[in-house]
Amino acid sequence: MTLTTKYRIIHRMKITAILPDELIAEIRQYTGGKNITESLSIALRAWLTSEKMKELNQKIEENPLEFDEKFSVFNLRDRR
């Protein structure tokens, strides 16, 4: 058994979930996955990314970014 094989075995989890067929079909349609596992993986990653973005937006809303008064994107471009 190679190190890569061991890594994959250790870091993967097999689960059993009871989900409606319609939900699975819709997820497969939108993700374009080759199979249910790939489709669910794509959907879960997309959901997780969305949640992280919501969290980041909330943090920025609570503590907005501030730029120096002298900041100018044109000055950055001129330096190149």
C-alpha atoms as a PDB file:
ATOM      1  CA  MET A   1       0.000   0.000   0.000  1.00  0.00           C
ATOM      2  CA  THR A   2       1.496   3.343  -1.033  1.00  0.00           C
ATOM      3  CA  LEU A   3       1.473   6.520   1.042  1.00  0.00           C
ATOM      4  CA  THR A   4      -1.041   8.046  -1.391  1.00  0.00           C
ATOM      5  CA  THR A   5      -3.377   5.087  -0.941  1.00  0.00           C
ATOM      6  CA  LYS A   6      -3.093   5.332   2.840  1.00  0.00           C
ATOM      7  CA  TYR A   7      -3.807   9.071   2.681  1.00  0.00           C
ATOM      8  CA  ARG A   8      -6.915   8.528   0.591  1.00  0.00           C
ATOM      9  CA  ILE A   9      -8.214   5.782   2.866  1.00  0.00           C
ATOM     10  CA  ILE A  10      -7.652   7.803   6.030  1.00  0.00           C
ATOM     11  CA  HIS A  11      -9.190  11.022   4.709  1.00  0.00           C
ATOM     12  CA  ARG A  12     -12.309   9.675   3.043  1.00  0.00           C
ATOM     13  CA  MET A  13     -15.545   8.764   4.734  1.00  0.00           C
ATOM     14  CA  LYS A  14     -18.275   6.475   3.523  1.00  0.00           C
ATOM     15  CA  ILE A  15     -21.725   7.546   4.654  1.00  0.00           C
ATOM     16  CA  THR A  16     -25.278   6.382   4.245  1.00  0.00           C
ATOM     17  CA  ALA A  17     -27.872   9.078   3.748  1.00  0.00           C
ATOM     18  CA  ILE A  18     -31.541   8.765   2.940  1.00  0.00           C
ATOM     19  CA  LEU A  19     -32.255  11.480   0.377  1.00  0.00           C
ATOM     20  CA  PRO A  20     -35.191  11.904  -1.993  1.00  0.00           C
ATOM     21  CA  ASP A  21     -34.548  10.667  -5.543  1.00  0.00           C
ATOM     22  CA  GLU A  22     -35.768  14.008  -6.914  1.00  0.00           C
ATOM     23  CA  LEU A  23     -33.149  15.878  -4.895  1.00  0.00           C
ATOM     24  CA  ILE A  24     -30.345  13.619  -6.091  1.00  0.00           C
ATOM     25  CA  ALA A  25     -31.514  13.921  -9.706  1.00  0.00           C
ATOM     26  CA  GLU A  26     -31.600  17.703  -9.477  1.00  0.00           C
ATOM     27  CA  ILE A  27     -28.156  17.856  -7.865  1.00  0.00           C
ATOM     28  CA  ARG A  28     -26.723  15.613 -10.566  1.00  0.00           C
ATOM     29  CA  GLN A  29     -28.320  17.780 -13.242  1.00  0.00           C
ATOM     30  CA  TYR A  30     -26.912  21.043 -11.862  1.00  0.00           C
ATOM     31  CA  THR A  31     -23.445  19.777 -10.943  1.00  0.00           C
ATOM     32  CA  GLY A  32     -22.807  17.642 -14.006  1.00  0.00           C
ATOM     33  CA  GLY A  33     -21.075  15.045 -11.856  1.00  0.00           C
ATOM     34  CA  LYS A  34     -20.227  11.650 -13.324  1.00  0.00           C
ATOM     35  CA  ASN A  35     -21.967   9.875 -10.456  1.00  0.00           C
ATOM     36  CA  ILE A  36     -23.822  10.574  -7.211  1.00  0.00           C
ATOM     37  CA  THR A  37     -20.639  10.779  -5.127  1.00  0.00           C
ATOM     38  CA  GLU A  38     -19.019  13.332  -7.428  1.00  0.00           C
ATOM     39  CA  SER A  39     -22.266  15.302  -7.720  1.00  0.00           C
ATOM     40  CA  LEU A  40     -22.718  15.494  -3.944  1.00  0.00           C
ATOM     41  CA  SER A  41     -19.081  16.433  -3.483  1.00  0.00           C
ATOM     42  CA  ILE A  42     -19.408  19.291  -6.001  1.00  0.00           C
ATOM     43  CA  ALA A  43     -22.651  20.483  -4.410  1.00  0.00           C
ATOM     44  CA  LEU A  44     -21.266  20.360  -0.874  1.00  0.00           C
ATOM     45  CA  ARG A  45     -18.113  22.237  -1.865  1.00  0.00           C
ATOM     46  CA  ALA A  46     -20.217  24.911  -3.589  1.00  0.00           C
ATOM     47  CA  TRP A  47     -22.450  25.222  -0.523  1.00  0.00           C
ATOM     48  CA  LEU A  48     -19.440  25.454   1.777  1.00  0.00           C
ATOM     49  CA  THR A  49     -17.869  28.162  -0.394  1.00  0.00           C
ATOM     50  CA  SER A  50     -21.148  30.079  -0.318  1.00  0.00           C
ATOM     51  CA  GLU A  51     -21.346  29.868   3.469  1.00  0.00           C
ATOM     52  CA  LYS A  52     -17.745  31.042   3.833  1.00  0.00           C
ATOM     53  CA  MET A  53     -18.501  34.007   1.560  1.00  0.00           C
ATOM     54  CA  LYS A  54     -21.554  34.897   3.658  1.00  0.00           C
ATOM     55  CA  GLU A  55     -19.402  34.764   6.800  1.00  0.00           C
ATOM     56  CA  LEU A  56     -16.721  36.951   5.211  1.00  0.00           C
ATOM     57  CA  ASN A  57     -19.326  39.455   3.996  1.00  0.00           C
ATOM     58  CA  GLN A  58     -20.777  39.620   7.507  1.00  0.00           C
ATOM     59  CA  LYS A  59     -17.324  40.330   8.962  1.00  0.00           C
ATOM     60  CA  ILE A  60     -16.698  43.065   6.392  1.00  0.00           C
ATOM     61  CA  GLU A  61     -20.128  44.545   7.062  1.00  0.00           C
ATOM     62  CA  GLU A  62     -19.345  44.688  10.790  1.00  0.00           C
ATOM     63  CA  ASN A  63     -15.853  46.071  10.222  1.00  0.00           C
ATOM     64  CA  PRO A  64     -15.680  47.716   6.759  1.00  0.00           C
ATOM     65  CA  LEU A  65     -12.431  47.971   4.861  1.00  0.00           C
ATOM     66  CA  GLU A  66     -10.859  51.403   4.922  1.00  0.00           C
ATOM     67  CA  PHE A  67      -8.453  52.761   2.354  1.00  0.00           C
ATOM     68  CA  ASP A  68      -5.874  55.467   2.833  1.00  0.00           C
ATOM     69  CA  GLU A  69      -7.026  58.804   1.388  1.00  0.00           C
ATOM     70  CA  LYS A  70      -3.958  58.807  -0.873  1.00  0.00           C
ATOM     71  CA  PHE A  71      -4.741  55.354  -2.272  1.00  0.00           C
ATOM     72  CA  SER A  72      -5.356  55.262  -5.995  1.00  0.00           C
ATOM     73  CA  VAL A  73      -5.564  52.303  -8.301  1.00  0.00           C
ATOM     74  CA  PHE A  74      -4.066  54.506 -10.996  1.00  0.00           C
ATOM     75  CA  ASN A  75      -0.915  54.970  -8.914  1.00  0.00           C
ATOM     76  CA  LEU A  76      -0.596  51.195  -8.622  1.00  0.00           C
ATOM     77  CA  ARG A  77      -0.888  50.801 -12.372  1.00  0.00           C
ATOM     78  CA  ASP A  78       1.727  53.485 -13.008  1.00  0.00           C
ATOM     79  CA  ARG A  79       4.316  51.583 -10.925  1.00  0.00           C
ATOM     80  CA  ARG A  80       4.358  48.636 -13.331  1.00  0.00           C
END
